[in-house]
Amino acid sequence: MILVRRERSTRFIVAFYTGEFMPAYGDLFILVTPKGKRIMRRLREGEDVHGNDGVLPAADIAAAEFGQIVVTRQGCPYRLMRPSLYDLLRGVKRQTQVLYPKDIGYICVRLGVGNGTHVIEAGSGSGTLTMALSWFSGDTGHVYTYEAREEFYKLSGRNLEWAGLGRNVTRCLRDIAEGFDQTDADALFLDVRTPWEYLDNALAATRPGARFAFFVPTVNQVSALLRGMETRAFADIEVEEVFIRRWKALADRLRPDDRMIAHTGFLVFARQQAMSEAFDARTPKGTRERKQEAARRERLGLDGDDNGDFDDA
């Protein structure tokens, strides 16, 4: 297990929230060309930006403020921008299918990730969600991320360092079949192929009332996960997708873009909640719900049938 601490990460977050307006050496910055190309680099003394539009000296970038125009030696203007978390997530090096910002933002909101939150993630993959969890957990929160494959473990570590994040992240190279080290996490996210195999370990790693999120790409996996959750202490279970449709930002010709980011995966959310037959017995059930309950009890091999007559279906 490795605790990642980076001086650069503290500076990056401090700069973002205190409104420092000028890039310092060691910071990431974005240049936007008149043709719309976006260039993300790290500012290093003496390392000028070379391109078809000419040379942009590093000293000129360091002397400018974010939001200003900087000009190459050939007279081409570039926009200078400070990278946002959205930019960082899009700019990571990847070897795995990564979560999109549209999913990441919603996951963080549903898990209640904020300053002081202790959250577990498995697996780390390329580290995009790890970066967001680190960002939102703040100085008093903590992220515990598990990855079973060494190549992804190393990649996610490099991406955290590149982004200047990870000061509050503990990374672990381990198969989660061996369990988690934590027992009182506030939230847990699983992005693994067979999450239903690790539900008991997930419950053991979290405190009562903890929030859960699962990401799976196919309906078969969702069904298997829901079956696994039926007999365990999960409640408030929801299955959702997130879609984003961009629009062309032209005031006189406002219309949807020709392409959109549609299905990337299913998100399953739940809370840890003590099971109660008395509570379930008082939950109102119509004909359809009673049929579903009867089918569930039959599938689980449960004795007794209190679901009534279905002849009026």
Protein backbone atom coordinates (compact mmCIF):
# COMPACT_ATOMS: atom_id res chain seq x y z
CA MET A 1 0.00 0.00 0.00
CA ILE A 2 1.34 3.41 -0.98
CA LEU A 3 0.20 6.83 0.19
CA VAL A 4 0.65 9.35 -2.60
CA ARG A 5 1.73 12.82 -1.46
CA ARG A 6 2.69 15.52 -3.93
CA GLU A 7 3.64 19.11 -3.12
CA ARG A 8 2.37 20.10 -6.55
CA SER A 9 -1.11 18.80 -5.76
CA THR A 10 -1.47 21.08 -2.75
CA ARG A 11 -0.38 24.08 -4.80
CA PHE A 12 -2.80 23.21 -7.60
CA ILE A 13 -5.83 23.03 -5.31
CA VAL A 14 -4.78 26.13 -3.37
CA ALA A 15 -4.29 28.05 -6.60
CA PHE A 16 -7.71 26.99 -7.88
CA TYR A 17 -9.61 28.07 -4.78
CA THR A 18 -7.63 31.21 -3.91
CA GLY A 19 -7.81 32.58 -7.42
CA GLU A 20 -4.11 32.80 -8.33
CA PHE A 21 -4.20 34.28 -11.79
CA MET A 22 -0.74 33.57 -13.18
CA PRO A 23 0.79 30.17 -13.97
CA ALA A 24 3.90 29.27 -11.99
CA TYR A 25 6.68 27.02 -13.19
CA GLY A 26 5.55 23.46 -12.59
CA ASP A 27 1.87 24.23 -13.26
CA LEU A 28 -0.23 22.83 -16.08
CA PHE A 29 -1.69 25.30 -18.55
CA ILE A 30 -3.84 25.20 -21.70
CA LEU A 31 -3.29 27.10 -24.94
CA VAL A 32 -6.18 27.41 -27.41
CA THR A 33 -5.21 28.24 -30.99
CA PRO A 34 -7.40 30.28 -33.38
CA LYS A 35 -8.22 26.99 -35.15
CA GLY A 36 -9.59 25.55 -31.90
CA LYS A 37 -6.73 23.21 -31.09
CA ARG A 38 -6.15 22.82 -27.34
CA ILE A 39 -2.61 22.26 -26.09
CA MET A 40 -2.05 21.22 -22.48
CA ARG A 41 1.49 21.47 -21.18
CA ARG A 42 3.41 21.87 -17.97
CA LEU A 43 5.19 25.20 -17.61
CA ARG A 44 8.93 24.71 -17.18
CA GLU A 45 11.55 27.40 -17.27
CA GLY A 46 13.31 27.54 -20.62
CA GLU A 47 10.91 25.05 -22.29
CA ASP A 48 9.24 27.18 -24.96
CA VAL A 49 6.19 26.02 -26.91
CA HIS A 50 7.04 25.30 -30.56
CA GLY A 51 4.42 24.90 -33.27
CA ASN A 52 3.32 25.84 -36.78
CA ASP A 53 2.32 29.27 -35.49
CA GLY A 54 5.79 30.03 -34.17
CA VAL A 55 7.53 29.88 -30.82
CA LEU A 56 5.86 30.95 -27.58
CA PRO A 57 8.50 31.58 -24.88
CA ALA A 58 7.88 29.99 -21.49
CA ALA A 59 8.77 33.32 -19.86
CA ASP A 60 5.90 35.03 -21.73
CA ILE A 61 3.45 32.42 -20.43
CA ALA A 62 4.73 32.80 -16.87
CA ALA A 63 4.31 36.59 -17.12
CA ALA A 64 0.71 36.41 -18.38
CA GLU A 65 -2.53 35.87 -16.47
CA PHE A 66 -4.98 33.08 -17.14
CA GLY A 67 -7.71 34.35 -19.43
CA GLN A 68 -5.36 36.61 -21.38
CA ILE A 69 -4.00 36.36 -24.91
CA VAL A 70 -0.37 35.38 -25.41
CA VAL A 71 1.33 35.90 -28.77
CA THR A 72 3.95 33.76 -30.51
CA ARG A 73 7.04 35.30 -32.04
CA GLN A 74 5.33 35.06 -35.42
CA GLY A 75 2.44 37.15 -34.11
CA CYS A 76 -0.18 34.38 -33.68
CA PRO A 77 -2.47 34.92 -30.66
CA TYR A 78 -3.28 32.05 -28.28
CA ARG A 79 -5.74 31.97 -25.41
CA LEU A 80 -4.17 31.05 -22.07
CA MET A 81 -6.37 29.01 -19.75
CA ARG A 82 -6.04 27.29 -16.39
CA PRO A 83 -6.99 23.58 -16.65
CA SER A 84 -10.19 22.63 -14.86
CA LEU A 85 -10.90 19.20 -13.39
CA TYR A 86 -12.86 18.50 -16.58
CA ASP A 87 -9.76 19.25 -18.66
CA LEU A 88 -7.60 17.02 -16.47
CA LEU A 89 -10.02 14.10 -16.78
CA ARG A 90 -10.05 14.41 -20.55
CA GLY A 91 -6.27 14.72 -20.77
CA VAL A 92 -5.14 11.60 -18.91
CA LYS A 93 -3.18 8.85 -20.61
CA ARG A 94 -5.30 5.74 -20.77
CA GLN A 95 -4.95 2.03 -21.37
CA THR A 96 -8.43 1.14 -20.17
CA GLN A 97 -11.95 2.26 -21.01
CA VAL A 98 -12.28 5.33 -18.79
CA LEU A 99 -15.32 6.84 -17.15
CA TYR A 100 -16.58 9.98 -18.85
CA PRO A 101 -16.92 13.25 -16.92
CA LYS A 102 -20.71 12.96 -17.30
CA ASP A 103 -20.64 9.74 -15.27
CA ILE A 104 -17.90 10.84 -12.88
CA GLY A 105 -19.69 14.00 -11.78
CA TYR A 106 -22.95 12.16 -11.14
CA ILE A 107 -21.18 9.37 -9.26
CA CYS A 108 -19.48 11.88 -6.95
CA VAL A 109 -22.79 13.63 -6.24
CA ARG A 110 -24.67 10.39 -5.58
CA LEU A 111 -21.91 9.11 -3.29
CA GLY A 112 -21.94 12.41 -1.40
CA VAL A 113 -18.20 12.92 -1.90
CA GLY A 114 -17.02 16.12 -0.24
CA ASN A 115 -14.47 17.51 2.17
CA GLY A 116 -14.04 14.92 4.91
CA THR A 117 -15.50 11.95 3.02
CA HIS A 118 -13.67 8.62 3.18
CA VAL A 119 -14.37 6.68 0.00
CA ILE A 120 -13.16 3.38 -1.46
CA GLU A 121 -12.70 2.73 -5.18
CA ALA A 122 -11.99 -0.49 -7.09
CA GLY A 123 -10.51 -0.79 -9.61
CA SER A 124 -8.30 2.20 -10.23
CA GLY A 125 -7.99 1.68 -13.99
CA SER A 126 -6.45 4.76 -15.60
CA GLY A 127 -7.25 6.83 -12.53
CA THR A 128 -9.86 9.25 -13.86
CA LEU A 129 -12.37 8.68 -11.07
CA THR A 130 -9.52 8.54 -8.54
CA MET A 131 -8.56 12.06 -9.62
CA ALA A 132 -12.11 13.34 -9.15
CA LEU A 133 -12.53 11.63 -5.78
CA SER A 134 -9.23 13.13 -4.63
CA TRP A 135 -10.34 16.57 -5.82
CA PHE A 136 -13.73 16.50 -4.08
CA SER A 137 -12.66 14.73 -0.85
CA GLY A 138 -10.60 17.75 0.18
CA ASP A 139 -7.89 18.07 2.78
CA THR A 140 -9.80 16.18 5.49
CA GLY A 141 -11.18 13.40 3.30
CA HIS A 142 -9.40 10.34 1.95
CA VAL A 143 -9.57 8.01 -1.04
CA TYR A 144 -8.58 4.34 -0.92
CA THR A 145 -8.18 2.94 -4.41
CA TYR A 146 -7.54 -0.74 -5.22
CA GLU A 147 -6.19 -2.20 -8.45
CA ALA A 148 -5.35 -5.84 -9.15
CA ARG A 149 -3.28 -5.33 -12.33
CA GLU A 150 0.17 -3.84 -11.92
CA GLU A 151 0.23 -2.04 -15.28
CA PHE A 152 -2.96 -0.14 -14.42
CA TYR A 153 -1.74 0.48 -10.89
CA LYS A 154 1.37 2.18 -12.27
CA LEU A 155 -0.60 4.09 -14.91
CA SER A 156 -3.11 5.50 -12.43
CA GLY A 157 -0.24 6.60 -10.20
CA ARG A 158 1.44 8.44 -13.07
CA ASN A 159 -1.83 10.14 -14.00
CA LEU A 160 -2.40 11.32 -10.45
CA GLU A 161 1.09 12.78 -10.34
CA TRP A 162 0.65 14.41 -13.74
CA ALA A 163 -2.60 16.06 -12.64
CA GLY A 164 -1.10 17.32 -9.39
CA LEU A 165 -3.63 15.32 -7.37
CA GLY A 166 -3.40 12.41 -4.96
CA ARG A 167 -2.24 14.05 -1.73
CA ASN A 168 -5.20 12.35 0.01
CA VAL A 169 -5.05 9.01 -1.84
CA THR A 170 -3.90 5.63 -0.56
CA ARG A 171 -3.21 3.25 -3.43
CA CYS A 172 -3.24 -0.52 -3.03
CA LEU A 173 -2.11 -3.17 -5.50
CA ARG A 174 -4.40 -6.03 -4.55
CA ASP A 175 -7.26 -8.18 -5.76
CA ILE A 176 -10.33 -7.09 -3.79
CA ALA A 177 -11.30 -10.74 -3.42
CA GLU A 178 -8.85 -10.58 -0.50
CA GLY A 179 -11.00 -7.88 1.10
CA PHE A 180 -10.50 -4.23 1.93
CA ASP A 181 -8.38 -2.81 4.74
CA GLN A 182 -11.08 -0.33 5.72
CA THR A 183 -14.13 -1.01 7.89
CA ASP A 184 -15.81 2.40 8.20
CA ALA A 185 -15.78 4.06 4.77
CA ASP A 186 -18.57 6.52 3.99
CA ALA A 187 -18.93 5.41 0.37
CA LEU A 188 -17.69 2.75 -2.02
CA PHE A 189 -17.49 2.53 -5.80
CA LEU A 190 -16.94 -0.69 -7.75
CA ASP A 191 -15.95 -0.73 -11.41
CA VAL A 192 -15.10 -4.41 -11.85
CA ARG A 193 -16.38 -7.07 -14.23
CA THR A 194 -18.26 -9.14 -11.63
CA PRO A 195 -19.19 -6.77 -8.78
CA TRP A 196 -21.73 -9.22 -7.32
CA GLU A 197 -18.83 -11.44 -6.23
CA TYR A 198 -17.53 -8.73 -3.87
CA LEU A 199 -20.71 -7.49 -2.19
CA ASP A 200 -19.91 -9.04 1.19
CA ASN A 201 -16.44 -7.47 1.18
CA ALA A 202 -17.98 -4.14 0.18
CA LEU A 203 -20.43 -4.21 3.08
CA ALA A 204 -17.68 -5.17 5.52
CA ALA A 205 -15.59 -2.18 4.41
CA THR A 206 -18.28 0.46 4.98
CA ARG A 207 -20.17 1.97 7.87
CA PRO A 208 -23.96 1.52 8.36
CA GLY A 209 -25.83 3.79 5.97
CA ALA A 210 -22.89 4.02 3.57
CA ARG A 211 -23.54 4.85 -0.09
CA PHE A 212 -22.60 2.55 -2.98
CA ALA A 213 -22.17 2.98 -6.71
CA PHE A 214 -21.46 0.30 -9.31
CA PHE A 215 -20.57 0.72 -12.98
CA VAL A 216 -21.25 -2.08 -15.47
CA PRO A 217 -21.65 -1.89 -19.25
CA THR A 218 -24.27 -4.60 -19.97
CA VAL A 219 -27.78 -5.48 -18.83
CA ASN A 220 -26.65 -9.04 -18.01
CA GLN A 221 -24.24 -7.64 -15.44
CA VAL A 222 -26.91 -5.37 -13.98
CA SER A 223 -29.26 -8.33 -13.52
CA ALA A 224 -26.58 -10.43 -11.83
CA LEU A 225 -25.72 -7.53 -9.54
CA LEU A 226 -29.35 -6.94 -8.57
CA ARG A 227 -29.78 -10.64 -7.75
CA GLY A 228 -26.72 -10.48 -5.52
CA MET A 229 -28.05 -7.41 -3.71
CA GLU A 230 -31.46 -8.98 -3.04
CA THR A 231 -30.23 -11.12 -0.16
CA ARG A 232 -27.91 -8.54 1.40
CA ALA A 233 -28.22 -5.34 3.36
CA PHE A 234 -28.85 -2.97 0.46
CA ALA A 235 -31.73 -0.54 0.04
CA ASP A 236 -32.71 2.43 -2.16
CA ILE A 237 -31.42 0.55 -5.19
CA GLU A 238 -31.55 2.48 -8.48
CA VAL A 239 -30.35 1.70 -12.00
CA GLU A 240 -29.62 4.69 -14.24
CA GLU A 241 -27.85 5.90 -17.35
CA VAL A 242 -26.43 9.37 -18.02
CA PHE A 243 -26.67 10.99 -21.45
CA ILE A 244 -25.25 14.29 -22.64
CA ARG A 245 -26.27 16.01 -25.86
CA ARG A 246 -24.19 19.01 -26.86
CA TRP A 247 -25.66 21.95 -28.76
CA LYS A 248 -23.93 24.15 -31.30
CA ALA A 249 -23.22 27.37 -29.39
CA LEU A 250 -24.30 29.76 -32.15
CA ALA A 251 -26.80 32.40 -31.09
CA ASP A 252 -28.38 32.69 -34.56
CA ARG A 253 -28.36 28.97 -35.39
CA LEU A 254 -28.80 27.19 -32.07
CA ARG A 255 -29.33 23.49 -32.67
CA PRO A 256 -28.23 20.09 -31.28
CA ASP A 257 -24.83 18.80 -32.28
CA ASP A 258 -24.71 15.99 -34.82
CA ARG A 259 -23.17 13.56 -32.34
CA MET A 260 -23.66 12.81 -28.67
CA ILE A 261 -22.16 10.75 -25.89
CA ALA A 262 -24.92 8.25 -25.24
CA HIS A 263 -24.64 4.92 -23.41
CA THR A 264 -21.29 4.40 -21.70
CA GLY A 265 -22.49 2.10 -18.94
CA PHE A 266 -25.15 1.45 -16.32
CA LEU A 267 -24.86 3.07 -12.92
CA VAL A 268 -26.34 1.18 -9.97
CA PHE A 269 -26.73 3.06 -6.69
CA ALA A 270 -27.67 1.77 -3.23
CA ARG A 271 -27.25 2.35 0.50
CA GLN A 272 -26.23 -0.02 3.24
CA GLN A 273 -29.40 -0.66 5.23
CA ALA A 274 -30.30 -3.31 7.78
CA MET A 275 -32.75 -5.85 6.37
CA SER A 276 -36.22 -5.98 7.96
CA GLU A 277 -39.03 -8.40 7.09
CA ALA A 278 -41.43 -6.23 9.11
CA PHE A 279 -40.58 -3.20 6.98
CA ASP A 280 -40.89 -5.16 3.74
CA ALA A 281 -44.23 -6.64 4.83
CA ARG A 282 -45.71 -3.15 5.24
CA THR A 283 -44.53 -1.92 1.85
CA PRO A 284 -47.61 -1.48 -0.41
CA LYS A 285 -47.65 -3.91 -3.34
CA GLY A 286 -49.92 -3.92 -6.34
CA THR A 287 -50.61 -6.96 -8.49
CA ARG A 288 -47.42 -6.56 -10.50
CA GLU A 289 -45.27 -6.09 -7.41
CA ARG A 290 -46.81 -9.14 -5.73
CA LYS A 291 -46.10 -11.24 -8.80
CA GLN A 292 -42.53 -10.04 -8.85
CA GLU A 293 -42.15 -10.80 -5.16
CA ALA A 294 -43.57 -14.30 -5.65
CA ALA A 295 -41.14 -14.95 -8.50
CA ARG A 296 -38.26 -13.69 -6.39
CA ARG A 297 -39.17 -15.92 -3.45
CA GLU A 298 -39.50 -18.92 -5.73
CA ARG A 299 -36.13 -18.20 -7.32
CA LEU A 300 -34.51 -17.85 -3.89
CA GLY A 301 -36.20 -21.01 -2.59
CA LEU A 302 -38.02 -19.20 0.21
CA ASP A 303 -40.89 -21.04 1.91
CA GLY A 304 -44.35 -19.58 2.18
CA ASP A 305 -46.36 -17.38 -0.14
CA ASP A 306 -48.08 -14.35 1.34
CA ASN A 307 -48.68 -12.63 -1.96
CA GLY A 308 -52.36 -13.40 -2.45
CA ASP A 309 -54.44 -14.32 -5.50
CA PHE A 310 -53.22 -13.20 -8.94
CA ASP A 311 -56.27 -14.14 -11.00
CA ASP A 312 -57.15 -10.48 -11.55
CA ALA A 313 -53.87 -9.69 -13.39
